[in-house]
Protein backbone atom coordinates (compact mmCIF):
# COMPACT_ATOMS: atom_id res chain seq x y z
CA UNK A 1 0.00 0.00 0.00
CA UNK A 2 1.06 3.56 -0.76
CA UNK A 3 -0.16 6.30 1.52
CA UNK A 4 -0.48 8.98 -1.11
CA UNK A 5 -1.15 12.65 -1.58
CA UNK A 6 2.10 13.68 -3.26
CA UNK A 7 3.50 13.68 -6.79
CA UNK A 8 6.06 11.15 -5.62
CA UNK A 9 3.29 8.77 -4.55
CA UNK A 10 1.74 8.88 -8.02
CA UNK A 11 5.08 8.31 -9.72
CA UNK A 12 5.86 5.38 -7.41
CA UNK A 13 2.48 3.76 -8.10
CA UNK A 14 3.10 4.11 -11.85
CA UNK A 15 6.45 2.37 -11.51
CA UNK A 16 5.21 -0.46 -9.27
CA UNK A 17 1.87 -1.39 -10.87
CA UNK A 18 3.31 -3.53 -13.67
CA UNK A 19 4.85 -5.85 -11.07
CA UNK A 20 2.87 -5.43 -7.84
CA UNK A 21 -0.71 -5.24 -6.62
CA UNK A 22 -0.71 -1.59 -5.52
CA UNK A 23 -3.37 0.30 -3.58
CA UNK A 24 -2.94 4.03 -3.01
CA UNK A 25 -4.83 5.59 -0.11
CA UNK A 26 -5.79 9.28 -0.20
CA UNK A 27 -7.20 11.28 2.70
CA UNK A 28 -10.02 12.70 0.58
CA UNK A 29 -9.43 16.37 1.37
CA UNK A 30 -9.21 17.32 -2.33
CA UNK A 31 -12.39 16.84 -4.31
CA UNK A 32 -10.78 16.01 -7.66
CA UNK A 33 -7.40 14.44 -6.89
CA UNK A 34 -4.97 13.25 -9.51
CA UNK A 35 -5.75 9.53 -9.82
CA UNK A 36 -2.75 7.20 -9.42
CA UNK A 37 -2.17 3.91 -11.21
CA UNK A 38 -3.50 0.78 -9.53
CA UNK A 39 -6.29 0.54 -6.97
CA UNK A 40 -7.49 3.61 -5.07
CA UNK A 41 -9.15 4.09 -1.68
CA UNK A 42 -10.24 7.46 -0.33
CA UNK A 43 -10.90 8.46 3.26
CA UNK A 44 -9.51 8.05 6.75
CA UNK A 45 -8.93 4.81 8.62
CA UNK A 46 -10.28 5.77 12.02
CA UNK A 47 -6.93 6.20 13.73
CA UNK A 48 -4.07 3.77 14.20
CA UNK A 49 -6.34 0.90 15.25
CA UNK A 50 -8.46 1.31 12.15
CA UNK A 51 -5.38 1.37 9.96
CA UNK A 52 -4.10 -1.83 11.57
CA UNK A 53 -7.42 -3.52 10.87
CA UNK A 54 -7.39 -2.38 7.25
CA UNK A 55 -3.84 -3.61 6.71
CA UNK A 56 -4.75 -7.03 8.10
CA UNK A 57 -8.04 -7.30 6.21
CA UNK A 58 -6.31 -6.49 2.93
CA UNK A 59 -3.24 -8.69 3.50
CA UNK A 60 -0.81 -5.84 2.93
CA UNK A 61 2.82 -6.96 2.65
CA UNK A 62 4.52 -3.54 2.71
CA UNK A 63 3.62 0.11 3.24
CA UNK A 64 5.21 3.18 1.65
CA UNK A 65 4.23 6.42 3.35
CA UNK A 66 4.46 9.00 0.55
CA UNK A 67 2.10 11.52 2.12
CA UNK A 68 2.73 15.27 2.24
CA UNK A 69 5.64 16.18 4.55
CA UNK A 70 3.17 17.91 6.89
CA UNK A 71 0.72 14.99 7.18
CA UNK A 72 2.07 14.17 10.63
CA UNK A 73 -0.91 12.26 12.03
CA UNK A 74 -1.16 9.58 9.35
CA UNK A 75 2.63 9.25 9.34
CA UNK A 76 2.66 8.57 13.08
CA UNK A 77 -0.28 6.16 12.80
CA UNK A 78 1.33 4.25 9.94
CA UNK A 79 4.62 3.88 11.80
CA UNK A 80 2.82 2.60 14.90
CA UNK A 81 0.50 0.24 13.01
CA UNK A 82 3.23 -1.29 10.88
CA UNK A 83 5.51 -1.62 13.88
CA UNK A 84 2.90 -3.55 15.86
CA UNK A 85 2.02 -5.79 12.93
CA UNK A 86 5.60 -6.34 11.77
CA UNK A 87 4.80 -5.04 8.28
CA UNK A 88 7.76 -3.54 6.39
CA UNK A 89 7.31 0.23 6.24
CA UNK A 90 9.27 3.11 4.75
CA UNK A 91 8.68 6.85 4.54
CA UNK A 92 9.28 8.59 1.22
CA UNK A 93 9.97 12.29 1.80
CA UNK A 94 11.36 14.69 -0.78
CA UNK A 95 14.27 16.76 0.58
CA UNK A 96 13.30 20.04 2.25
CA UNK A 97 14.13 23.39 0.69
CA UNK A 98 17.29 25.08 1.96
CA UNK A 99 16.37 27.64 4.58
CA UNK A 100 18.51 30.37 3.06
CA UNK A 101 17.61 33.73 4.58
CA UNK A 102 14.09 32.63 5.53
CA UNK A 103 12.80 33.05 9.07
CA UNK A 104 12.10 29.50 10.27
CA UNK A 105 9.08 28.93 12.51
CA UNK A 106 7.44 25.83 13.92
CA UNK A 107 3.77 26.65 13.27
CA UNK A 108 1.34 28.92 11.44
CA UNK A 109 0.66 30.73 14.72
CA UNK A 110 4.36 31.52 15.06
CA UNK A 111 4.40 32.65 11.42
CA UNK A 112 1.52 35.04 12.15
CA UNK A 113 3.42 36.43 15.15
CA UNK A 114 6.51 37.09 13.01
CA UNK A 115 4.46 38.80 10.30
CA UNK A 116 2.70 40.99 12.88
CA UNK A 117 5.89 41.85 14.78
CA UNK A 118 7.61 43.03 11.60
CA UNK A 119 4.63 45.12 10.53
CA UNK A 120 4.00 43.58 7.12
CA UNK A 121 0.70 44.72 5.62
CA UNK A 122 0.52 42.64 2.40
CA UNK A 123 1.10 38.95 2.99
CA UNK A 124 1.25 36.09 0.45
CA UNK A 125 0.13 32.89 2.22
CA UNK A 126 0.89 29.60 0.45
CA UNK A 127 0.98 27.34 3.50
CA UNK A 128 -2.30 25.51 2.93
CA UNK A 129 -5.86 25.74 4.15
CA UNK A 130 -5.08 24.42 7.63
CA UNK A 131 -2.84 27.43 8.35
CA UNK A 132 -5.27 30.17 7.32
CA UNK A 133 -7.03 30.28 10.69
CA UNK A 134 -3.89 31.59 12.36
CA UNK A 135 -4.25 34.84 10.38
CA UNK A 136 -8.01 35.22 10.83
CA UNK A 137 -8.01 38.32 13.02
CA UNK A 138 -5.03 40.13 11.51
CA UNK A 139 -5.22 43.71 10.24
CA UNK A 140 -3.01 42.89 7.25
CA UNK A 141 -4.18 42.16 3.69
CA UNK A 142 -3.63 38.59 2.45
CA UNK A 143 -3.15 36.96 -0.93
CA UNK A 144 -4.14 33.36 -0.12
CA UNK A 145 -3.38 30.63 -2.64
CA UNK A 146 -5.08 27.26 -2.13
CA UNK A 147 -6.23 24.38 -4.33
CA UNK A 148 -9.91 24.51 -3.34
CA UNK A 149 -12.35 27.15 -2.16
CA UNK A 150 -12.45 28.12 1.53
CA UNK A 151 -15.63 29.28 3.33
CA UNK A 152 -15.75 33.02 3.95
CA UNK A 153 -15.87 32.61 7.73
CA UNK A 154 -12.49 30.84 7.63
CA UNK A 155 -10.76 33.74 5.88
CA UNK A 156 -9.28 37.02 7.13
CA UNK A 157 -11.45 40.09 6.56
CA UNK A 158 -9.04 41.63 4.02
CA UNK A 159 -7.92 39.09 1.44
CA UNK A 160 -7.92 37.86 -2.13
CA UNK A 161 -8.42 34.12 -2.58
CA UNK A 162 -6.52 32.56 -5.48
CA UNK A 163 -7.55 29.02 -6.42
CA UNK A 164 -4.63 27.36 -8.18
CA UNK A 165 -2.54 24.22 -8.37
CA UNK A 166 1.15 24.08 -9.33
CA UNK A 167 3.60 23.74 -10.89
CA UNK A 168 4.48 27.41 -11.25
CA UNK A 169 7.24 29.13 -13.20
CA UNK A 170 9.61 31.80 -11.94
CA UNK A 171 8.09 34.31 -14.35
CA UNK A 172 4.56 33.56 -13.13
CA UNK A 173 5.49 33.85 -9.46
CA UNK A 174 7.46 37.04 -10.00
CA UNK A 175 4.59 38.69 -11.86
CA UNK A 176 2.09 37.57 -9.21
CA UNK A 177 4.10 39.06 -6.36
CA UNK A 178 4.58 42.31 -8.26
CA UNK A 179 0.91 42.50 -9.24
CA UNK A 180 -0.25 42.22 -5.64
CA UNK A 181 2.62 44.24 -4.12
CA UNK A 182 3.53 41.36 -1.80
CA UNK A 183 5.70 42.33 1.18
CA UNK A 184 6.29 38.90 2.75
CA UNK A 185 5.81 35.25 1.72
CA UNK A 186 4.55 32.64 4.20
CA UNK A 187 5.09 29.04 3.16
CA UNK A 188 5.54 25.54 4.50
CA UNK A 189 8.82 23.80 3.76
CA UNK A 190 7.19 21.30 1.44
CA UNK A 191 10.27 20.77 -0.73
CA UNK A 192 10.20 19.64 -4.34
CA UNK A 193 10.11 21.58 -7.59
CA UNK A 194 6.38 22.10 -8.20
CA UNK A 195 6.14 25.23 -6.05
CA UNK A 196 9.77 26.17 -5.42
CA UNK A 197 9.66 29.04 -7.95
CA UNK A 198 7.98 31.24 -5.33
CA UNK A 199 11.17 31.16 -3.28
CA UNK A 200 13.25 32.18 -6.30
CA UNK A 201 10.81 34.98 -7.07
CA UNK A 202 10.86 36.22 -3.49
CA UNK A 203 14.66 36.24 -3.50
CA UNK A 204 14.78 38.12 -6.80
CA UNK A 205 12.34 40.75 -5.48
CA UNK A 206 13.99 40.96 -2.02
CA UNK A 207 10.77 39.77 -0.37
CA UNK A 208 11.31 38.17 3.06
CA UNK A 209 10.18 34.57 3.57
CA UNK A 210 8.65 33.07 6.71
CA UNK A 211 8.95 29.29 6.43
CA UNK A 212 7.08 26.80 8.58
CA UNK A 213 9.40 23.90 9.40
CA UNK A 214 8.41 20.27 8.88
CA UNK A 215 7.20 18.14 11.77
CA UNK A 216 9.79 15.53 12.80
CA UNK A 217 9.46 11.96 11.55
CA UNK A 218 8.58 9.22 14.04
CA UNK A 219 11.57 7.67 15.77
CA UNK A 220 13.18 4.45 14.52
CA UNK A 221 11.63 4.49 11.03
CA UNK A 222 13.29 3.95 7.66
CA UNK A 223 13.14 6.89 5.26
CA UNK A 224 14.19 7.54 1.67
CA UNK A 225 14.18 10.76 -0.33
CA UNK A 226 13.57 9.66 -3.93
CA UNK A 227 11.02 7.58 -5.83
CA UNK A 228 13.84 5.39 -7.15
CA UNK A 229 14.96 4.54 -3.62
CA UNK A 230 11.39 3.70 -2.60
CA UNK A 231 10.97 1.50 -5.67
CA UNK A 232 14.15 -0.42 -4.85
CA UNK A 233 13.01 -0.79 -1.23
CA UNK A 234 9.77 -2.44 -2.39
CA UNK A 235 11.53 -4.71 -4.89
CA UNK A 236 14.01 -5.87 -2.24
CA UNK A 237 11.08 -7.03 -0.10
CA UNK A 238 9.33 -8.94 -2.86
CA UNK A 239 8.85 -12.38 -1.36
CA UNK A 240 7.84 -13.74 -4.79
CA UNK A 241 11.11 -12.77 -6.43
CA UNK A 242 13.04 -15.63 -7.97
């Protein structure tokens, strides 16, 4: 099973399907997700106990956690469930972006505090829907980029909501920040190339970056950083190999 939600999960499923029976599990937070190769399940498991039951019921031989780097709950549940069941388990995480000159914070609330303390009045928020609430009662104006619409009562009073999905080019990100006179960029350290152009654009325009750091991985788990490494990990555990 692949715990999906990332581009790497889709690429891994594509590589494995010709040889393995692959099921990708998505949380279901995006209404029209990109559909991976192989079987697909959508929705939560009901915590670690529910995940353990699902793994047993479906005779899963190995689990690759290729969720978003900030999907901490399912990552912790998967590590615990696989550990208790003795199922081989690996985490696939793309490398983080270099911090550079960014201000590193541990949460959206801390990011809001930094933005407020430095007096920024036009803020570009690209840190996902779950982080928007931290800025709800701010006096600043926000350009908020998300994949799907957000209810009005979950948004700051002064904002422009931009519904969009990457990848983005440097030219596009530079023009966007100029168009909206952005003074500071707030982002999660998601890593990868799909949305990294915003960091290049911010650097080119001398726009400060406030970067929310990744949650730590569970202790005593195996982790790889590329799809190729995850593919080899699965192949090495193929009990049917000759």
